[in-house]
Amino acid sequence: MKFCSQCGQPVTHRIPEGDNRLRFVCVHCETIHYQNPNIVAGCLPLWGDQVLLCRRAIEPRRGYWTLPGGFMENGETLEQAARRETDEEASARVTDLHLYTLFDLPHISQVHVFFRAQLTDLDFAAGTESLEVRLFREDEIPWSELAFKTVGRTLECYFADRRENHYPVRNETLAPLMAQPPKA
């Protein structure tokens, strides 16, 4: 950030009085510009023993499979954001939402939240951000083609919890994936 969004004057990077973190502060109007994590909300849509996945039509990770989800908008609840993203990406309607996984990703300043949800019907289709939308049984999940660590972890938890018929809310901090060495 170089300029204040309130008055257009330059900003400095300093710790404001009474604070303990570096912030962008306007040198003219003294507005403190807080930068906070983004929240990603989504669903784990279920139909019997199958889960609904979307193959991404956008970057990052175009062509990889994911659960429907995306950035929460101002004025939405977590549940509203999860429903909206499921409708936008999979043209799917869900009901009976239960908070299921919550992942802290401090390395990218994001929090990912997924709800377990029941599909209301099988009338779903790829939205503008999806190339394909499909139901998968556990043995059909394209594990090596999942877009994000949070998606894979949510699916791992779900299939393990389904065997126990117990679905606790899970909260984990996920570290960044280490870069893979180039293939020889």
Foldseek 3Di string as FASTA:
>chain_A
DAADPVPGAGWDFDADPPGDHTFTAHPPPRDTDDDAFWEKAAEQEDDVQKTKWFQFCDDDLHRFIFGQIGTDDPPDDSVRRHQVSCCQAKVWGWDDWDWAEWEAEVVRRYIYTYTYTYTPDPPIFGHPGGPTMDIDHPVRDPLVRHRDPVRNVSSVLVVVCVVVVDGDHYYYYDYDDDDDDDDD
